[in-house]
Protein backbone atom coordinates (compact mmCIF):
# COMPACT_ATOMS: atom_id res chain seq x y z
CA MET A 1 98.47 119.84 120.37
CA ALA A 2 100.35 119.76 117.02
CA ALA A 3 98.95 121.41 114.52
CA ASP A 4 99.02 117.99 112.40
CA ARG A 5 97.20 116.33 115.60
CA PRO A 6 93.53 117.62 114.87
CA MET A 7 91.05 116.39 117.75
CA ARG A 8 89.51 113.26 116.01
CA VAL A 9 85.91 112.34 116.85
CA MET A 10 84.53 108.91 116.83
CA ALA A 11 81.06 107.74 117.50
CA VAL A 12 81.17 104.03 119.52
CA ALA A 13 77.97 102.66 118.14
CA ASN A 14 75.79 99.85 117.32
CA GLN A 15 71.96 99.86 117.24
CA LYS A 16 71.96 96.55 118.72
CA GLY A 17 72.23 96.12 122.55
CA GLY A 18 74.43 94.10 124.29
CA VAL A 19 77.54 93.84 121.94
CA GLY A 20 80.02 95.48 124.18
CA LYS A 21 79.49 99.26 123.08
CA THR A 22 79.77 100.87 126.37
CA THR A 23 82.57 98.60 127.60
CA THR A 24 84.45 99.28 124.76
CA ALA A 25 84.37 103.21 125.02
CA ILE A 26 84.98 102.87 128.67
CA ASN A 27 88.36 100.86 128.03
CA LEU A 28 89.50 101.82 124.60
CA GLY A 29 89.24 105.31 126.21
CA THR A 30 91.51 104.52 129.25
CA ALA A 31 93.84 102.37 127.19
CA LEU A 32 94.23 105.50 124.61
CA ALA A 33 95.09 107.61 128.14
CA ALA A 34 97.09 105.07 129.23
CA ILE A 35 99.41 105.38 125.86
CA GLY A 36 99.68 109.13 126.30
CA GLU A 37 96.62 110.31 124.34
CA ARG A 38 94.47 112.51 125.90
CA VAL A 39 90.81 111.45 125.98
CA LEU A 40 87.29 112.72 126.23
CA ILE A 41 84.19 110.45 126.38
CA VAL A 42 80.69 111.60 125.72
CA ASP A 43 78.03 109.72 127.36
CA MET A 44 75.25 110.22 125.36
CA ASP A 45 73.37 107.22 126.84
CA PRO A 46 70.39 108.21 128.73
CA GLN A 47 71.17 105.09 131.48
CA GLY A 48 74.69 106.88 131.99
CA ASN A 49 76.53 103.13 131.95
CA ALA A 50 79.59 105.01 130.85
CA SER A 51 79.51 107.59 133.52
CA THR A 52 79.17 104.86 136.32
CA GLY A 53 81.77 102.88 134.53
CA LEU A 54 83.86 105.47 135.26
CA GLY A 55 83.20 106.11 138.67
CA VAL A 56 81.14 109.39 138.34
CA PRO A 57 78.58 108.61 140.93
CA ARG A 58 74.89 109.94 139.95
CA GLU A 59 74.44 112.54 142.79
CA THR A 60 77.64 114.28 141.38
CA ARG A 61 76.38 115.02 137.71
CA ARG A 62 75.77 118.50 138.24
CA VAL A 63 76.45 119.58 134.76
CA THR A 64 75.67 116.58 132.02
CA ILE A 65 75.39 116.11 128.32
CA TYR A 66 72.04 117.41 128.74
CA ASP A 67 72.92 120.37 129.50
CA VAL A 68 75.43 120.77 126.39
CA VAL A 69 72.76 119.85 124.01
CA VAL A 70 69.77 121.11 125.29
CA ASP A 71 71.14 124.38 127.38
CA GLY A 72 74.15 124.95 125.23
CA ARG A 73 76.74 124.55 128.29
CA SER A 74 80.37 124.34 126.46
CA ILE A 75 82.32 121.44 126.42
CA GLU A 76 85.09 122.68 128.86
CA ASP A 77 82.71 123.38 131.27
CA SER A 78 81.12 119.97 131.01
CA ALA A 79 83.91 117.59 131.04
CA VAL A 80 84.91 115.91 134.14
CA PRO A 81 88.75 114.26 135.20
CA THR A 82 88.16 110.69 135.95
CA ALA A 83 90.37 108.50 138.11
CA VAL A 84 92.39 107.78 135.21
CA PRO A 85 95.22 110.39 134.25
CA GLY A 86 94.55 112.11 130.58
CA LEU A 87 90.95 110.67 130.63
CA SER A 88 87.52 113.05 130.92
CA ILE A 89 84.38 112.24 130.62
CA ILE A 90 80.84 114.47 129.82
CA PRO A 91 78.39 112.37 132.29
CA ALA A 92 74.76 111.74 131.49
CA ASP A 93 71.68 111.02 133.25
CA ALA A 94 67.91 109.97 133.01
CA ASP A 95 67.34 113.81 131.97
CA MET A 96 68.72 112.67 128.61
CA SER A 97 65.34 110.63 127.96
CA GLY A 98 63.45 114.01 127.23
CA VAL A 99 65.94 115.46 124.78
CA GLU A 100 64.17 114.58 121.58
CA ILE A 101 60.69 116.32 122.74
CA GLU A 102 62.75 119.35 124.07
CA LEU A 103 64.04 119.83 120.92
CA SER A 104 61.43 118.82 118.67
CA GLN A 105 61.44 122.39 117.49
CA ALA A 106 65.03 123.56 118.18
CA ASP A 107 67.15 124.78 115.49
CA ARG A 108 69.98 122.71 114.51
CA ARG A 109 68.55 119.83 116.43
CA SER A 110 70.79 117.42 114.90
CA TYR A 111 74.10 119.23 115.22
CA ARG A 112 74.05 120.37 118.73
CA LEU A 113 77.09 118.22 119.73
CA ARG A 114 78.77 118.93 116.42
CA ASP A 115 78.31 122.91 117.30
CA ALA A 116 79.50 122.91 121.05
CA LEU A 117 82.51 120.22 119.63
CA SER A 118 83.15 123.28 116.83
CA GLN A 119 82.92 126.28 119.72
CA LEU A 120 85.87 124.03 121.35
CA VAL A 121 88.06 124.35 118.48
CA GLU A 122 86.94 127.56 117.62
CA ARG A 123 87.88 129.10 120.88
CA ASP A 124 91.44 127.38 120.97
CA LYS A 125 90.51 125.16 124.25
CA VAL A 126 91.00 121.60 122.81
CA GLY A 127 92.92 119.25 124.89
CA PHE A 128 91.75 115.98 123.55
CA ASP A 129 93.52 113.95 121.12
CA TYR A 130 90.27 111.55 121.01
CA VAL A 131 86.50 112.20 122.07
CA LEU A 132 85.07 109.01 121.76
CA ILE A 133 80.82 108.98 121.80
CA ASP A 134 78.80 106.33 123.91
CA CYS A 135 75.63 106.19 121.71
CA PRO A 136 72.37 104.62 122.48
CA PRO A 137 71.75 101.74 121.07
CA SER A 138 68.83 102.97 119.06
CA LEU A 139 68.54 105.74 116.30
CA ASN A 140 67.19 108.76 117.71
CA LEU A 141 68.14 112.17 118.04
CA LEU A 142 70.84 111.65 120.42
CA THR A 143 72.28 108.87 118.13
CA LEU A 144 71.88 111.48 114.96
CA ASN A 145 73.54 114.02 117.26
CA ALA A 146 76.73 111.68 117.77
CA MET A 147 77.18 110.91 114.18
CA SER A 148 76.52 114.18 113.49
CA ALA A 149 79.67 115.09 115.34
CA ALA A 150 81.96 112.47 114.58
CA ASP A 151 84.47 112.44 111.80
CA ALA A 152 84.22 108.29 111.91
CA VAL A 153 81.91 105.52 113.54
CA LEU A 154 83.45 102.96 115.57
CA VAL A 155 81.64 99.48 115.87
CA PRO A 156 81.42 97.04 118.58
CA LEU A 157 80.46 93.66 117.09
CA GLN A 158 79.43 90.72 118.99
CA CYS A 159 80.57 87.39 117.59
CA GLU A 160 77.34 85.57 117.88
CA PHE A 161 74.60 84.64 115.17
CA PHE A 162 72.29 87.91 114.68
CA ALA A 163 75.73 90.02 114.55
CA LEU A 164 75.78 90.43 110.74
CA GLU A 165 72.12 91.30 110.26
CA GLY A 166 72.49 94.00 113.19
CA LEU A 167 75.52 95.20 111.14
CA THR A 168 73.55 95.65 108.07
CA GLN A 169 71.20 97.73 109.45
CA LEU A 170 73.42 99.84 111.13
CA MET A 171 75.35 100.49 107.59
CA LYS A 172 72.14 101.71 106.30
CA THR A 173 71.87 104.40 109.46
CA ILE A 174 75.50 105.58 108.53
CA ASP A 175 74.31 106.01 104.94
CA MET A 176 71.40 107.77 105.98
CA VAL A 177 73.77 110.45 108.14
CA ARG A 178 76.19 110.63 105.24
CA HIS A 179 74.00 111.85 102.73
CA SER A 180 71.62 113.97 104.72
CA LEU A 181 73.52 115.02 108.03
CA ASN A 182 77.98 114.50 107.70
CA PRO A 183 79.28 113.65 104.18
CA LYS A 184 82.47 113.37 105.80
CA LEU A 185 81.07 110.29 108.19
CA GLU A 186 83.27 107.47 107.31
CA ILE A 187 83.95 103.77 109.43
CA GLN A 188 86.82 103.74 111.04
CA GLY A 189 86.79 99.91 111.84
CA LEU A 190 84.76 97.23 113.51
CA VAL A 191 85.76 95.57 116.52
CA LEU A 192 85.04 91.77 117.24
CA THR A 193 83.62 91.83 121.11
CA MET A 194 82.64 89.13 123.19
CA TYR A 195 84.83 86.26 121.39
CA ASP A 196 84.70 82.90 123.20
CA ARG A 197 87.82 80.57 121.63
CA ARG A 198 85.84 77.78 122.82
CA ASN A 199 82.68 78.46 120.97
CA ALA A 200 82.68 77.59 116.99
CA LEU A 201 80.37 80.01 116.21
CA SER A 202 82.34 82.89 117.58
CA GLY A 203 85.01 81.82 115.08
CA GLN A 204 82.78 81.62 112.02
CA VAL A 205 81.28 85.05 112.59
CA ALA A 206 84.40 86.51 112.82
CA ALA A 207 85.74 84.88 109.71
CA ASP A 208 82.42 85.85 107.88
CA VAL A 209 82.94 89.54 109.20
CA ARG A 210 86.41 89.45 108.14
CA ALA A 211 85.79 88.37 104.66
CA HIS A 212 83.02 91.12 104.12
CA PHE A 213 84.54 93.85 105.76
CA GLY A 214 88.28 93.04 104.57
CA ASP A 215 91.39 95.30 106.80
CA LYS A 216 88.21 97.65 108.22
CA VAL A 217 87.88 94.77 110.99
CA TYR A 218 90.84 95.31 113.71
CA GLU A 219 93.27 92.58 114.21
CA ALA A 220 92.98 92.76 118.23
CA VAL A 221 89.97 91.18 119.16
CA ILE A 222 88.01 91.46 122.85
CA PRO A 223 87.24 88.24 124.55
CA ARG A 224 84.50 87.15 126.75
CA ASN A 225 86.11 88.10 130.34
CA VAL A 226 85.00 87.84 133.72
CA ARG A 227 87.00 90.74 134.92
CA VAL A 228 86.03 93.27 132.40
CA SER A 229 82.08 92.32 133.36
CA GLU A 230 82.88 92.61 137.14
CA ALA A 231 85.08 95.81 136.77
CA PRO A 232 81.92 98.44 136.14
CA SER A 233 80.32 97.55 139.42
CA PHE A 234 83.48 98.77 140.92
CA GLY A 235 83.10 102.10 138.98
CA LYS A 236 86.56 101.31 137.62
CA PRO A 237 87.50 100.64 134.06
CA ALA A 238 88.87 96.91 133.84
CA LEU A 239 92.73 97.99 133.23
CA ILE A 240 92.47 99.82 136.64
CA TYR A 241 90.34 96.99 138.02
CA ASP A 242 92.64 94.46 136.45
CA LEU A 243 95.45 95.05 134.26
CA LYS A 244 96.82 91.88 133.70
CA CYS A 245 93.47 90.15 132.57
CA ALA A 246 92.86 88.89 128.77
CA GLY A 247 90.36 91.87 128.32
CA SER A 248 92.66 94.66 129.84
CA GLN A 249 95.34 93.47 127.41
CA ALA A 250 92.97 93.43 124.25
CA TYR A 251 92.05 96.77 124.61
CA LEU A 252 95.26 97.77 125.13
CA ARG A 253 96.26 96.23 121.71
CA LEU A 254 93.07 97.62 120.33
CA ALA A 255 94.30 101.26 121.56
CA ARG A 256 97.81 100.79 119.64
CA GLU A 257 96.01 99.65 116.61
CA LEU A 258 93.94 102.44 116.62
CA VAL A 259 96.73 105.01 117.24
CA THR A 260 98.52 103.10 114.30
CA ARG A 261 95.73 103.59 111.85
CA GLU A 262 95.17 106.97 112.61
CA ARG A 263 98.85 107.96 111.91
CA ARG A 264 98.76 106.14 108.62
CA ARG A 265 95.59 107.81 107.47
CA ARG A 266 97.21 111.30 108.46
CA GLU A 267 100.34 110.48 106.37
CA THR A 268 98.01 109.40 103.29
CA LEU A 269 96.00 112.51 103.71
CA ALA A 270 99.46 114.65 103.64
CA ALA A 271 100.90 112.72 100.91
């Protein structure tokens, strides 16, 4: 890894469920790997859907993110390669549901993931350009760990009526984390998902979000797409299941746009 390309950690988060968060983590990670980036997905959701969607069967998840945040296992010992070259994942399973109780009296309980990633850097074992943390759809210790470890938050936002209401709650959470746990945390961008061009409401929500957040909203928009919905049941990202479908092509556009944003951010900091 070049000295000017430090590992960039992003929490893929939205406290509202059903917004395409895990789908975005899986397919954005795959798209970034497809254009040459080295990517690690951290599955922080006890449901383990990102792990399933990347073809990691539950019976093979011998080391999970639970072992990292509870038992102190290293990132390099926990990450497993996927069928996508350049893409690895630290899987999750139902054990994660008990983390809140198990760490109730632990030191640095909100910083367990951050400490593990920091040790990766200190040991000079970094093999990733991007770390995408798939957060659970709630504000709990797992989400706090993700946001404490992240440089920035990537927000998938469904194009539906209650989208902005849920977004207001998420912004309050990000502000809280910034003030109490992670001062450097920023909003990397908002991704409009499940866009239906036949539905006037989708267009109105997209326009409202862009009016409020400006260039924080990605130009790439993820459409509703049957092939993207089908892919997880085959244990494959949409880009592997059907590269040519509209959803896969949208995630490739998103990945290129993200890399361009990150390049500009580095250039601005270096100036």
